Amino acid sequence: MRSFKVKSTTESGLLVAITVIMALMAVYLPIVGIAATLLWPLPIIVLIVRHGMQYGVLSVAAAAIIMTILISPMSAVHMVAAFGPPSLALGYGFYKGLSAARILLYGIVASLVGVFLTAGLTMLITGINPLAMAEQVESMKEAAGAAFQMYESLGMSASELEQTKKQFMEAMEYVTLLLPVVFLLSGMITAWLNFAVGGKVLRRLGHHVTTLPEFDDWHLPKAILYIFGFSLVGLYWGSTREIEILQQVSLNAYVLSTLAGFIQGTAVISSFARNLISRWLFWLIVLFVFLNGAISQILAVCGLFDMLFDYRKRFRRS
């Protein structure tokens, strides 16, 4: 028992040191720091799986104290508040041996909690609400005004300048409207990345952890297709009857369901193209399709209908 405690304490200290080093990288290394920031929960996840939740909670607290001393209190607060909850949630899911879907769900919810917790602490400390996009959008519009004046002095025609202004203002409005789905996607990316990398690390350490099925076999819930239909009706009603809240909710639902349809459509194509082209060429084509608005929409619609009809199952039977 004593040797186990010594081993647990030693590993805890080592993994806390790794979290602090990753925090230092996030602050002082611009490019590598992005990866270090997103993967900051990883050592805590490993620690929880190997030694239990109590060690994970204590390690998060210890990392916060050390980061406060070595970096700054604000940086420590932001890092721990944003990534502490998903660290504990994902670690708990792996520790309890939950299904991959439940672990990801816990991680996404915890990531969203981290976003709002960070915003609340920032507002409490500085008085600035980072979630209030109206002020940021207004400052961006003011900065853009100076840029438009420069374009005008360079000889841009009045019609071209007016068109550019209109497109910019519409883009700013969309940024404000799509704020909820941006937060949701950021939480999904954080949870999925740490789930995927954490699962590989834990398996290398000899732990049996649940994994997602192969990408070719991904089947997203049918409910997403109905959400897509609701979003189309909501966008129509919201615009024709000038119901702003309905329009915003529908727009976010449309973007989220379309992205889900694109993922499912890509899984369908991946299944059919598995033995036809190399994987790097396949993903290069997917990137091109994603950047092409019209083709990506077609693939997204195909993916949405696959949730209902399951093309892969039908073709395998035939």
Protein backbone atom coordinates (compact mmCIF):
# COMPACT_ATOMS: atom_id res chain seq x y z
CA MET A 1 0.00 0.00 0.00
CA ARG A 2 2.82 2.37 0.87
CA SER A 3 4.62 1.74 -2.42
CA PHE A 4 1.36 2.36 -4.28
CA LYS A 5 0.95 5.71 -2.53
CA VAL A 6 4.55 6.65 -3.32
CA LYS A 7 4.03 5.68 -6.95
CA SER A 8 0.76 7.63 -7.13
CA THR A 9 2.34 10.70 -5.59
CA THR A 10 5.36 10.50 -7.89
CA GLU A 11 3.27 10.10 -11.03
CA SER A 12 0.97 12.91 -9.88
CA GLY A 13 3.91 15.24 -9.43
CA LEU A 14 5.31 14.32 -12.84
CA LEU A 15 1.99 14.82 -14.63
CA VAL A 16 1.36 18.12 -12.83
CA ALA A 17 4.80 19.25 -14.01
CA ILE A 18 3.82 18.30 -17.58
CA THR A 19 0.60 20.34 -17.33
CA VAL A 20 2.59 23.36 -16.12
CA ILE A 21 5.12 22.95 -18.95
CA MET A 22 2.26 22.77 -21.46
CA ALA A 23 0.78 25.94 -19.95
CA LEU A 24 4.17 27.69 -20.34
CA MET A 25 4.30 26.53 -23.97
CA ALA A 26 0.76 27.84 -24.51
CA VAL A 27 1.78 31.28 -23.27
CA TYR A 28 5.25 31.70 -24.74
CA LEU A 29 5.27 29.59 -27.95
CA PRO A 30 2.85 31.03 -30.55
CA ILE A 31 2.45 28.01 -32.88
CA VAL A 32 3.24 25.02 -30.66
CA GLY A 33 1.30 26.76 -27.90
CA ILE A 34 -1.99 26.21 -29.73
CA ALA A 35 -1.56 22.43 -29.59
CA ALA A 36 -0.35 22.66 -25.98
CA THR A 37 -3.45 24.63 -25.04
CA LEU A 38 -5.89 22.20 -26.68
CA LEU A 39 -4.13 19.15 -25.18
CA TRP A 40 -3.66 20.62 -21.70
CA PRO A 41 -6.28 18.21 -20.22
CA LEU A 42 -4.33 15.14 -21.40
CA PRO A 43 -2.01 14.61 -18.37
CA ILE A 44 -4.93 15.04 -15.97
CA ILE A 45 -6.96 12.47 -17.92
CA VAL A 46 -4.11 9.95 -17.69
CA LEU A 47 -3.70 10.62 -13.97
CA ILE A 48 -7.40 10.07 -13.23
CA VAL A 49 -7.49 6.79 -15.14
CA ARG A 50 -4.39 5.48 -13.37
CA HIS A 51 -5.07 6.70 -9.83
CA GLY A 52 -8.63 7.98 -9.45
CA MET A 53 -10.61 11.21 -9.42
CA GLN A 54 -9.19 12.51 -6.16
CA TYR A 55 -5.71 12.69 -7.65
CA GLY A 56 -7.08 14.44 -10.69
CA VAL A 57 -8.85 17.13 -8.67
CA LEU A 58 -5.79 17.71 -6.46
CA SER A 59 -3.53 17.87 -9.51
CA VAL A 60 -5.71 20.51 -11.18
CA ALA A 61 -5.53 22.58 -8.00
CA ALA A 62 -1.76 22.10 -7.71
CA ALA A 63 -1.24 23.03 -11.37
CA ALA A 64 -3.33 26.18 -10.85
CA ILE A 65 -1.17 27.27 -7.89
CA ILE A 66 2.11 26.63 -9.73
CA MET A 67 0.90 28.41 -12.88
CA THR A 68 -0.18 31.37 -10.77
CA ILE A 69 3.38 31.64 -9.43
CA LEU A 70 5.27 30.99 -12.68
CA ILE A 71 3.02 32.71 -15.24
CA SER A 72 0.28 34.97 -13.92
CA PRO A 73 -2.94 34.64 -11.92
CA MET A 74 -5.09 35.58 -14.93
CA SER A 75 -3.45 32.99 -17.20
CA ALA A 76 -3.82 30.32 -14.52
CA VAL A 77 -7.49 31.20 -13.98
CA HIS A 78 -8.23 31.08 -17.72
CA MET A 79 -6.41 27.79 -18.29
CA VAL A 80 -7.86 25.95 -15.31
CA ALA A 81 -11.39 27.33 -15.72
CA ALA A 82 -11.48 26.55 -19.46
CA PHE A 83 -9.80 23.13 -19.49
CA GLY A 84 -10.18 21.86 -15.94
CA PRO A 85 -13.82 20.73 -16.36
CA PRO A 86 -13.22 18.73 -19.58
CA SER A 87 -10.09 17.20 -17.99
CA LEU A 88 -12.12 15.87 -15.08
CA ALA A 89 -15.12 14.85 -17.21
CA LEU A 90 -13.13 12.91 -19.79
CA GLY A 91 -10.92 11.36 -17.12
CA TYR A 92 -14.02 10.25 -15.20
CA GLY A 93 -15.52 8.74 -18.36
CA PHE A 94 -12.39 6.74 -19.16
CA TYR A 95 -11.97 5.74 -15.50
CA LYS A 96 -15.51 4.38 -15.29
CA GLY A 97 -15.24 2.62 -18.66
CA LEU A 98 -18.21 4.44 -20.17
CA SER A 99 -19.13 4.19 -23.84
CA ALA A 100 -17.31 6.43 -26.30
CA ALA A 101 -20.47 8.44 -27.01
CA ARG A 102 -21.09 9.15 -23.32
CA ILE A 103 -17.48 10.12 -22.70
CA LEU A 104 -17.61 12.56 -25.60
CA LEU A 105 -20.94 13.95 -24.40
CA TYR A 106 -19.54 14.54 -20.92
CA GLY A 107 -16.46 16.18 -22.44
CA ILE A 108 -18.50 18.51 -24.66
CA VAL A 109 -20.79 19.58 -21.82
CA ALA A 110 -17.80 20.15 -19.54
CA SER A 111 -16.04 22.17 -22.25
CA LEU A 112 -19.08 24.43 -22.55
CA VAL A 113 -19.10 24.80 -18.76
CA GLY A 114 -15.45 25.82 -19.02
CA VAL A 115 -16.25 28.47 -21.61
CA PHE A 116 -18.95 30.09 -19.48
CA LEU A 117 -16.91 29.69 -16.31
CA THR A 118 -13.98 31.48 -17.96
CA ALA A 119 -16.27 34.24 -19.19
CA GLY A 120 -17.79 34.66 -15.74
CA LEU A 121 -14.40 34.86 -14.01
CA THR A 122 -13.09 37.30 -16.62
CA MET A 123 -16.11 39.55 -16.15
CA LEU A 124 -15.74 39.30 -12.36
CA ILE A 125 -12.05 40.24 -12.44
CA THR A 126 -11.93 42.78 -15.29
CA GLY A 127 -15.55 43.86 -15.71
CA ILE A 128 -15.40 42.89 -19.41
CA ASN A 129 -17.85 40.32 -20.75
CA PRO A 130 -16.00 38.32 -23.45
CA LEU A 131 -19.29 36.73 -24.56
CA ALA A 132 -20.84 40.09 -25.40
CA MET A 133 -20.00 40.20 -29.08
CA ALA A 134 -21.85 43.47 -29.73
CA GLU A 135 -18.99 45.59 -28.39
CA GLN A 136 -16.34 43.60 -30.29
CA VAL A 137 -18.36 43.79 -33.50
CA GLU A 138 -18.77 47.55 -33.14
CA SER A 139 -15.02 48.03 -32.63
CA MET A 140 -14.36 45.87 -35.70
CA LYS A 141 -16.80 47.98 -37.71
CA GLU A 142 -15.00 51.14 -36.61
CA ALA A 143 -11.64 49.68 -37.61
CA ALA A 144 -13.11 48.60 -40.94
CA GLY A 145 -14.32 52.17 -41.54
CA ALA A 146 -10.71 53.37 -41.59
CA ALA A 147 -9.82 50.58 -44.01
CA PHE A 148 -12.68 51.54 -46.32
CA GLN A 149 -11.44 55.15 -46.34
CA MET A 150 -8.03 53.91 -47.40
CA TYR A 151 -9.58 51.83 -50.22
CA GLU A 152 -11.48 54.91 -51.36
CA SER A 153 -8.29 56.99 -51.42
CA LEU A 154 -6.63 54.25 -53.52
CA GLY A 155 -9.26 54.68 -56.22
CA MET A 156 -11.83 51.98 -55.52
CA SER A 157 -15.09 52.87 -57.23
CA ALA A 158 -18.08 53.90 -55.13
CA SER A 159 -20.15 50.89 -56.23
CA GLU A 160 -17.39 48.39 -55.38
CA LEU A 161 -16.80 50.10 -52.04
CA GLU A 162 -20.49 50.00 -51.17
CA GLN A 163 -20.72 46.32 -52.09
CA THR A 164 -17.67 45.51 -49.96
CA LYS A 165 -19.15 47.42 -47.02
CA LYS A 166 -22.44 45.55 -47.36
CA GLN A 167 -20.73 42.14 -47.42
CA PHE A 168 -18.59 43.04 -44.41
CA MET A 169 -21.57 44.24 -42.36
CA GLU A 170 -23.51 41.08 -43.20
CA ALA A 171 -20.54 38.96 -42.16
CA MET A 172 -20.36 40.79 -38.82
CA GLU A 173 -24.04 40.20 -38.22
CA TYR A 174 -23.59 36.48 -38.92
CA VAL A 175 -20.68 36.36 -36.47
CA THR A 176 -22.99 37.68 -33.76
CA LEU A 177 -25.84 35.33 -34.66
CA LEU A 178 -23.63 32.23 -34.85
CA LEU A 179 -21.91 32.75 -31.50
CA PRO A 180 -23.73 29.78 -29.80
CA VAL A 181 -22.69 27.27 -32.46
CA VAL A 182 -19.11 28.61 -32.36
CA PHE A 183 -18.95 27.86 -28.63
CA LEU A 184 -20.50 24.42 -29.17
CA LEU A 185 -18.03 23.55 -31.94
CA SER A 186 -15.07 24.71 -29.83
CA GLY A 187 -16.26 22.42 -27.04
CA MET A 188 -16.69 19.53 -29.46
CA ILE A 189 -13.21 19.99 -30.91
CA THR A 190 -11.59 20.14 -27.46
CA ALA A 191 -13.48 17.06 -26.25
CA TRP A 192 -12.89 15.02 -29.40
CA LEU A 193 -9.17 15.87 -29.62
CA ASN A 194 -8.47 14.93 -26.00
CA PHE A 195 -10.67 11.83 -26.30
CA ALA A 196 -8.81 10.63 -29.39
CA VAL A 197 -5.28 11.43 -28.20
CA GLY A 198 -6.04 10.39 -24.63
CA GLY A 199 -7.38 7.04 -25.80
CA LYS A 200 -4.20 6.33 -27.78
CA VAL A 201 -1.94 7.31 -24.87
CA LEU A 202 -3.91 5.17 -22.41
CA ARG A 203 -3.80 2.17 -24.72
CA ARG A 204 -0.04 2.58 -25.06
CA LEU A 205 0.14 2.54 -21.26
CA GLY A 206 -1.73 -0.77 -21.18
CA HIS A 207 -5.22 0.44 -20.30
CA HIS A 208 -8.32 -0.90 -22.03
CA VAL A 209 -10.44 2.08 -23.06
CA THR A 210 -13.46 2.42 -25.30
CA THR A 211 -12.96 3.79 -28.79
CA LEU A 212 -15.12 5.26 -31.50
CA PRO A 213 -15.98 3.01 -34.47
CA GLU A 214 -14.06 3.35 -37.70
CA PHE A 215 -14.90 6.54 -39.57
CA ASP A 216 -16.45 4.51 -42.39
CA ASP A 217 -19.03 3.17 -39.92
CA TRP A 218 -20.04 6.47 -38.32
CA HIS A 219 -23.82 6.87 -38.10
CA LEU A 220 -25.03 10.10 -36.53
CA PRO A 221 -28.50 10.24 -34.89
CA LYS A 222 -31.55 10.54 -37.15
CA ALA A 223 -32.72 13.43 -34.98
CA ILE A 224 -30.19 15.66 -36.78
CA LEU A 225 -32.24 15.33 -39.99
CA TYR A 226 -35.31 16.59 -38.15
CA ILE A 227 -33.31 19.43 -36.64
CA PHE A 228 -32.27 20.36 -40.18
CA GLY A 229 -35.93 20.42 -41.25
CA PHE A 230 -36.86 22.53 -38.23
CA SER A 231 -34.07 24.98 -39.04
CA LEU A 232 -35.38 25.52 -42.58
CA VAL A 233 -38.91 26.18 -41.32
CA GLY A 234 -37.58 28.38 -38.53
CA LEU A 235 -35.43 30.43 -40.89
CA TYR A 236 -38.47 31.04 -43.12
CA TRP A 237 -40.77 31.98 -40.26
CA GLY A 238 -38.10 34.04 -38.51
CA SER A 239 -37.30 36.12 -41.59
CA THR A 240 -40.85 36.61 -42.87
CA ARG A 241 -42.33 37.40 -39.46
CA GLU A 242 -39.22 39.20 -38.14
CA ILE A 243 -38.82 36.96 -35.06
CA GLU A 244 -35.14 37.52 -34.27
CA ILE A 245 -34.72 34.85 -31.60
CA LEU A 246 -36.31 32.19 -33.83
CA GLN A 247 -34.08 33.24 -36.71
CA GLN A 248 -30.93 32.99 -34.57
CA VAL A 249 -31.85 29.60 -33.11
CA SER A 250 -32.75 28.28 -36.57
CA LEU A 251 -29.56 29.62 -38.14
CA ASN A 252 -27.41 27.93 -35.49
CA ALA A 253 -29.38 24.69 -35.86
CA TYR A 254 -28.96 24.87 -39.65
CA VAL A 255 -25.18 25.33 -39.47
CA LEU A 256 -24.77 22.57 -36.89
CA SER A 257 -26.99 20.05 -38.70
CA THR A 258 -25.39 20.85 -42.06
CA LEU A 259 -21.94 20.24 -40.59
CA ALA A 260 -23.17 16.94 -39.15
CA GLY A 261 -24.56 16.01 -42.56
CA PHE A 262 -21.22 16.82 -44.17
CA ILE A 263 -19.44 14.54 -41.70
CA GLN A 264 -21.89 11.70 -42.33
CA GLY A 265 -21.70 12.22 -46.10
CA THR A 266 -17.91 12.09 -45.91
CA ALA A 267 -18.16 8.81 -43.96
CA VAL A 268 -20.37 7.35 -46.71
CA ILE A 269 -17.94 8.36 -49.45
CA SER A 270 -15.02 7.09 -47.36
CA SER A 271 -16.69 3.69 -47.05
CA PHE A 272 -17.19 3.39 -50.80
CA ALA A 273 -13.74 4.77 -51.71
CA ARG A 274 -11.76 2.80 -49.11
CA ASN A 275 -10.10 0.46 -51.63
CA LEU A 276 -10.25 2.74 -54.67
CA ILE A 277 -7.94 5.65 -53.81
CA SER A 278 -5.25 6.32 -51.23
CA ARG A 279 -6.31 7.90 -47.96
CA TRP A 280 -4.23 11.06 -48.33
CA LEU A 281 -5.77 11.70 -51.76
CA PHE A 282 -9.23 11.06 -50.32
CA TRP A 283 -8.76 13.62 -47.53
CA LEU A 284 -7.31 16.10 -50.00
CA ILE A 285 -10.49 15.77 -52.06
CA VAL A 286 -12.59 16.18 -48.90
CA LEU A 287 -10.74 19.40 -48.10
CA PHE A 288 -11.44 20.71 -51.60
CA VAL A 289 -15.12 19.77 -51.29
CA PHE A 290 -15.35 21.44 -47.87
CA LEU A 291 -13.95 24.69 -49.27
CA ASN A 292 -16.39 24.59 -52.19
CA GLY A 293 -19.72 25.87 -50.90
CA ALA A 294 -22.03 24.31 -53.50
CA ILE A 295 -20.46 20.83 -53.50
CA SER A 296 -20.18 20.74 -49.71
CA GLN A 297 -23.89 21.56 -49.42
CA ILE A 298 -24.75 18.69 -51.77
CA LEU A 299 -22.59 16.29 -49.74
CA ALA A 300 -24.17 17.56 -46.50
CA VAL A 301 -27.71 16.91 -47.82
CA CYS A 302 -26.66 13.42 -48.94
CA GLY A 303 -25.27 12.78 -45.47
CA LEU A 304 -28.46 13.99 -43.82
CA PHE A 305 -30.59 11.62 -45.91
CA ASP A 306 -28.15 8.78 -45.19
CA MET A 307 -29.17 9.11 -41.54
CA LEU A 308 -32.64 7.99 -42.64
CA PHE A 309 -31.95 5.60 -45.53
CA ASP A 310 -28.49 4.20 -44.63
CA TYR A 311 -26.98 3.93 -48.12
CA ARG A 312 -24.08 1.78 -46.93
CA LYS A 313 -26.37 -0.91 -45.57
CA ARG A 314 -28.48 -0.92 -48.73
CA PHE A 315 -25.47 -1.23 -51.05
CA ARG A 316 -23.92 -3.98 -48.95
CA ARG A 317 -27.12 -6.02 -49.24
CA SER A 318 -27.19 -5.57 -53.00
